[in-house]
Amino acid sequence: MRCLTQSGFTLIELLVTLVLLGLVAMLAFPAVDSWFLSRQLAAERNALANELAGLPLKANISGNLITITTPDQLASVDNAFVIKEPISVLSNGYCLGGSFHLVQDDVINRYTVTSPFCDVKREP
């Protein structure tokens, strides 16, 4: 007579494993969610900074003065963007600067656009 041995997991072992995986996922999800939101907000800020940095080239190519006074003049912003001081770029590509506020996740961030290259600096 041969002795049959069964290999595998019992139902209790599988249930305990699933409960533990559920607890780990429940603890990790909020951290991952907040990390994803912070990366999304950083991407929006970088897109705006890149668009502003490209204004001197755009003004130089067109040969016209560019003055940004409203958020709808920029492609990469939404309604949470308020221009406090107009951002002006001369036709030769020299940026005169300006300032704006960006509201993200109920936090108001203040930025200054500095001359001569339209660099975006965050104000403390």
C-alpha atoms as a PDB file:
ATOM      1  CA  MET A   1       0.000   0.000   0.000  1.00  0.00           C
ATOM      2  CA  ARG A   2       1.194   3.409  -0.889  1.00  0.00           C
ATOM      3  CA  CYS A   3       0.814   6.351   1.418  1.00  0.00           C
ATOM      4  CA  LEU A   4      -0.578   9.414  -0.347  1.00  0.00           C
ATOM      5  CA  THR A   5       0.626  12.791   0.890  1.00  0.00           C
ATOM      6  CA  GLN A   6      -1.072  15.916  -0.213  1.00  0.00           C
ATOM      7  CA  SER A   7       0.834  19.105  -0.717  1.00  0.00           C
ATOM      8  CA  GLY A   8      -0.611  22.597  -0.851  1.00  0.00           C
ATOM      9  CA  PHE A   9      -2.100  25.218   1.393  1.00  0.00           C
ATOM     10  CA  THR A  10      -5.089  24.947   3.626  1.00  0.00           C
ATOM     11  CA  LEU A  11      -7.993  27.330   3.354  1.00  0.00           C
ATOM     12  CA  ILE A  12      -7.037  28.949   6.673  1.00  0.00           C
ATOM     13  CA  GLU A  13      -3.500  29.654   5.459  1.00  0.00           C
ATOM     14  CA  LEU A  14      -4.829  31.265   2.296  1.00  0.00           C
ATOM     15  CA  LEU A  15      -7.305  33.416   4.213  1.00  0.00           C
ATOM     16  CA  VAL A  16      -4.644  34.612   6.664  1.00  0.00           C
ATOM     17  CA  THR A  17      -2.360  35.487   3.759  1.00  0.00           C
ATOM     18  CA  LEU A  18      -5.109  37.460   2.001  1.00  0.00           C
ATOM     19  CA  VAL A  19      -5.979  39.341   5.187  1.00  0.00           C
ATOM     20  CA  LEU A  20      -2.325  40.274   5.724  1.00  0.00           C
ATOM     21  CA  LEU A  21      -1.983  41.437   2.105  1.00  0.00           C
ATOM     22  CA  GLY A  22      -5.137  43.518   2.523  1.00  0.00           C
ATOM     23  CA  LEU A  23      -3.767  45.182   5.656  1.00  0.00           C
ATOM     24  CA  VAL A  24      -0.462  45.984   3.968  1.00  0.00           C
ATOM     25  CA  ALA A  25      -2.273  47.421   0.943  1.00  0.00           C
ATOM     26  CA  MET A  26      -4.535  49.481   3.191  1.00  0.00           C
ATOM     27  CA  LEU A  27      -1.514  51.007   4.928  1.00  0.00           C
ATOM     28  CA  ALA A  28       0.474  51.615   1.746  1.00  0.00           C
ATOM     29  CA  PHE A  29      -2.262  53.096  -0.472  1.00  0.00           C
ATOM     30  CA  PRO A  30      -2.530  56.540   1.208  1.00  0.00           C
ATOM     31  CA  ALA A  31       1.229  57.028   0.950  1.00  0.00           C
ATOM     32  CA  VAL A  32       1.241  56.067  -2.717  1.00  0.00           C
ATOM     33  CA  ASP A  33      -1.772  58.282  -3.384  1.00  0.00           C
ATOM     34  CA  SER A  34      -0.179  61.347  -1.760  1.00  0.00           C
ATOM     35  CA  TRP A  35       3.088  60.670  -3.594  1.00  0.00           C
ATOM     36  CA  PHE A  36       1.211  60.488  -6.901  1.00  0.00           C
ATOM     37  CA  LEU A  37      -0.591  63.774  -6.168  1.00  0.00           C
ATOM     38  CA  SER A  38       2.669  65.549  -5.289  1.00  0.00           C
ATOM     39  CA  ARG A  39       4.268  64.301  -8.528  1.00  0.00           C
ATOM     40  CA  GLN A  40       1.263  65.509 -10.508  1.00  0.00           C
ATOM     41  CA  LEU A  41       1.459  68.975  -8.927  1.00  0.00           C
ATOM     42  CA  ALA A  42       5.207  69.127  -9.575  1.00  0.00           C
ATOM     43  CA  ALA A  43       4.616  68.225 -13.221  1.00  0.00           C
ATOM     44  CA  GLU A  44       2.104  71.067 -13.545  1.00  0.00           C
ATOM     45  CA  ARG A  45       4.574  73.535 -12.012  1.00  0.00           C
ATOM     46  CA  ASN A  46       7.357  72.332 -14.310  1.00  0.00           C
ATOM     47  CA  ALA A  47       5.133  72.632 -17.389  1.00  0.00           C
ATOM     48  CA  LEU A  48       4.319  76.214 -16.448  1.00  0.00           C
ATOM     49  CA  ALA A  49       7.984  77.070 -15.772  1.00  0.00           C
ATOM     50  CA  ASN A  50       8.990  75.542 -19.123  1.00  0.00           C
ATOM     51  CA  GLU A  51       6.362  77.534 -20.974  1.00  0.00           C
ATOM     52  CA  LEU A  52       7.503  80.764 -19.315  1.00  0.00           C
ATOM     53  CA  ALA A  53      11.143  79.943 -20.074  1.00  0.00           C
ATOM     54  CA  GLY A  54      10.230  79.594 -23.749  1.00  0.00           C
ATOM     55  CA  LEU A  55       8.723  83.087 -23.961  1.00  0.00           C
ATOM     56  CA  PRO A  56      12.029  84.874 -24.804  1.00  0.00           C
ATOM     57  CA  LEU A  57      12.574  82.595 -27.798  1.00  0.00           C
ATOM     58  CA  LYS A  58       8.968  83.048 -28.899  1.00  0.00           C
ATOM     59  CA  ALA A  59       9.293  86.859 -28.653  1.00  0.00           C
ATOM     60  CA  ASN A  60      12.605  86.856 -30.495  1.00  0.00           C
ATOM     61  CA  ILE A  61      11.250  84.725 -33.344  1.00  0.00           C
ATOM     62  CA  SER A  62       8.056  86.762 -33.725  1.00  0.00           C
ATOM     63  CA  GLY A  63       9.795  90.107 -33.207  1.00  0.00           C
ATOM     64  CA  ASN A  64       6.937  91.292 -30.997  1.00  0.00           C
ATOM     65  CA  LEU A  65       6.606  92.292 -27.367  1.00  0.00           C
ATOM     66  CA  ILE A  66       4.869  89.550 -25.359  1.00  0.00           C
ATOM     67  CA  THR A  67       2.971  90.517 -22.220  1.00  0.00           C
ATOM     68  CA  ILE A  68       1.155  87.870 -20.192  1.00  0.00           C
ATOM     69  CA  THR A  69      -1.649  89.470 -18.179  1.00  0.00           C
ATOM     70  CA  THR A  70      -4.233  86.663 -17.959  1.00  0.00           C
ATOM     71  CA  PRO A  71      -3.903  82.915 -17.357  1.00  0.00           C
ATOM     72  CA  ASP A  72      -5.655  82.027 -20.619  1.00  0.00           C
ATOM     73  CA  GLN A  73      -2.675  83.405 -22.577  1.00  0.00           C
ATOM     74  CA  LEU A  74      -0.665  80.367 -21.463  1.00  0.00           C
ATOM     75  CA  ALA A  75      -1.520  76.847 -22.598  1.00  0.00           C
ATOM     76  CA  SER A  76      -0.324  74.842 -19.601  1.00  0.00           C
ATOM     77  CA  VAL A  77      -2.334  76.446 -16.790  1.00  0.00           C
ATOM     78  CA  ASP A  78      -5.778  76.117 -15.338  1.00  0.00           C
ATOM     79  CA  ASN A  79      -7.960  78.484 -13.320  1.00  0.00           C
ATOM     80  CA  ALA A  80      -5.717  78.185 -10.229  1.00  0.00           C
ATOM     81  CA  PHE A  81      -3.185  80.568 -11.766  1.00  0.00           C
ATOM     82  CA  VAL A  82      -3.306  84.293 -10.904  1.00  0.00           C
ATOM     83  CA  ILE A  83      -0.935  86.843 -12.418  1.00  0.00           C
ATOM     84  CA  LYS A  84      -0.041  89.487  -9.848  1.00  0.00           C
ATOM     85  CA  GLU A  85       2.443  91.456 -11.969  1.00  0.00           C
ATOM     86  CA  PRO A  86       2.353  91.139 -15.792  1.00  0.00           C
ATOM     87  CA  ILE A  87       5.114  89.027 -17.317  1.00  0.00           C
ATOM     88  CA  SER A  88       6.699  90.958 -20.182  1.00  0.00           C
ATOM     89  CA  VAL A  89       9.269  89.884 -22.754  1.00  0.00           C
ATOM     90  CA  LEU A  90      10.787  92.381 -25.199  1.00  0.00           C
ATOM     91  CA  SER A  91      11.021  91.639 -28.904  1.00  0.00           C
ATOM     92  CA  ASN A  92      14.767  90.938 -28.552  1.00  0.00           C
ATOM     93  CA  GLY A  93      14.029  88.135 -26.046  1.00  0.00           C
ATOM     94  CA  TYR A  94      14.880  90.045 -22.863  1.00  0.00           C
ATOM     95  CA  CYS A  95      12.455  89.127 -20.085  1.00  0.00           C
ATOM     96  CA  LEU A  96      11.382  92.024 -17.863  1.00  0.00           C
ATOM     97  CA  GLY A  97       9.994  89.692 -15.220  1.00  0.00           C
ATOM     98  CA  GLY A  98       6.715  89.536 -13.329  1.00  0.00           C
ATOM     99  CA  SER A  99       5.031  87.513 -10.622  1.00  0.00           C
ATOM    100  CA  PHE A 100       2.177  85.076 -10.212  1.00  0.00           C
ATOM    101  CA  HIS A 101       0.420  82.895  -7.667  1.00  0.00           C
ATOM    102  CA  LEU A 102      -0.329  79.253  -8.266  1.00  0.00           C
ATOM    103  CA  VAL A 103      -2.980  77.560  -6.129  1.00  0.00           C
ATOM    104  CA  GLN A 104      -2.457  73.817  -5.860  1.00  0.00           C
ATOM    105  CA  ASP A 105      -4.204  71.532  -3.420  1.00  0.00           C
ATOM    106  CA  ASP A 106      -5.535  74.558  -1.463  1.00  0.00           C
ATOM    107  CA  VAL A 107      -2.011  75.953  -0.995  1.00  0.00           C
ATOM    108  CA  ILE A 108      -1.039  79.306  -2.503  1.00  0.00           C
ATOM    109  CA  ASN A 109       2.487  79.287  -3.919  1.00  0.00           C
ATOM    110  CA  ARG A 110       4.026  82.633  -4.880  1.00  0.00           C
ATOM    111  CA  TYR A 111       6.490  82.811  -7.753  1.00  0.00           C
ATOM    112  CA  THR A 112       8.619  85.537  -9.294  1.00  0.00           C
ATOM    113  CA  VAL A 113       9.689  85.514 -12.930  1.00  0.00           C
ATOM    114  CA  THR A 114      13.192  86.985 -13.061  1.00  0.00           C
ATOM    115  CA  SER A 115      15.005  88.724 -15.874  1.00  0.00           C
ATOM    116  CA  PRO A 116      16.715  88.250 -18.292  1.00  0.00           C
ATOM    117  CA  PHE A 117      15.699  84.648 -19.075  1.00  0.00           C
ATOM    118  CA  CYS A 118      12.242  84.366 -17.449  1.00  0.00           C
ATOM    119  CA  ASP A 119      13.502  82.037 -14.731  1.00  0.00           C
ATOM    120  CA  VAL A 120      10.801  81.054 -12.246  1.00  0.00           C
ATOM    121  CA  LYS A 121      11.748  81.396  -8.587  1.00  0.00           C
ATOM    122  CA  ARG A 122       9.523  80.414  -5.685  1.00  0.00           C
ATOM    123  CA  GLU A 123       9.086  83.083  -3.045  1.00  0.00           C
ATOM    124  CA  PRO A 124       9.355  81.964   0.586  1.00  0.00           C
END
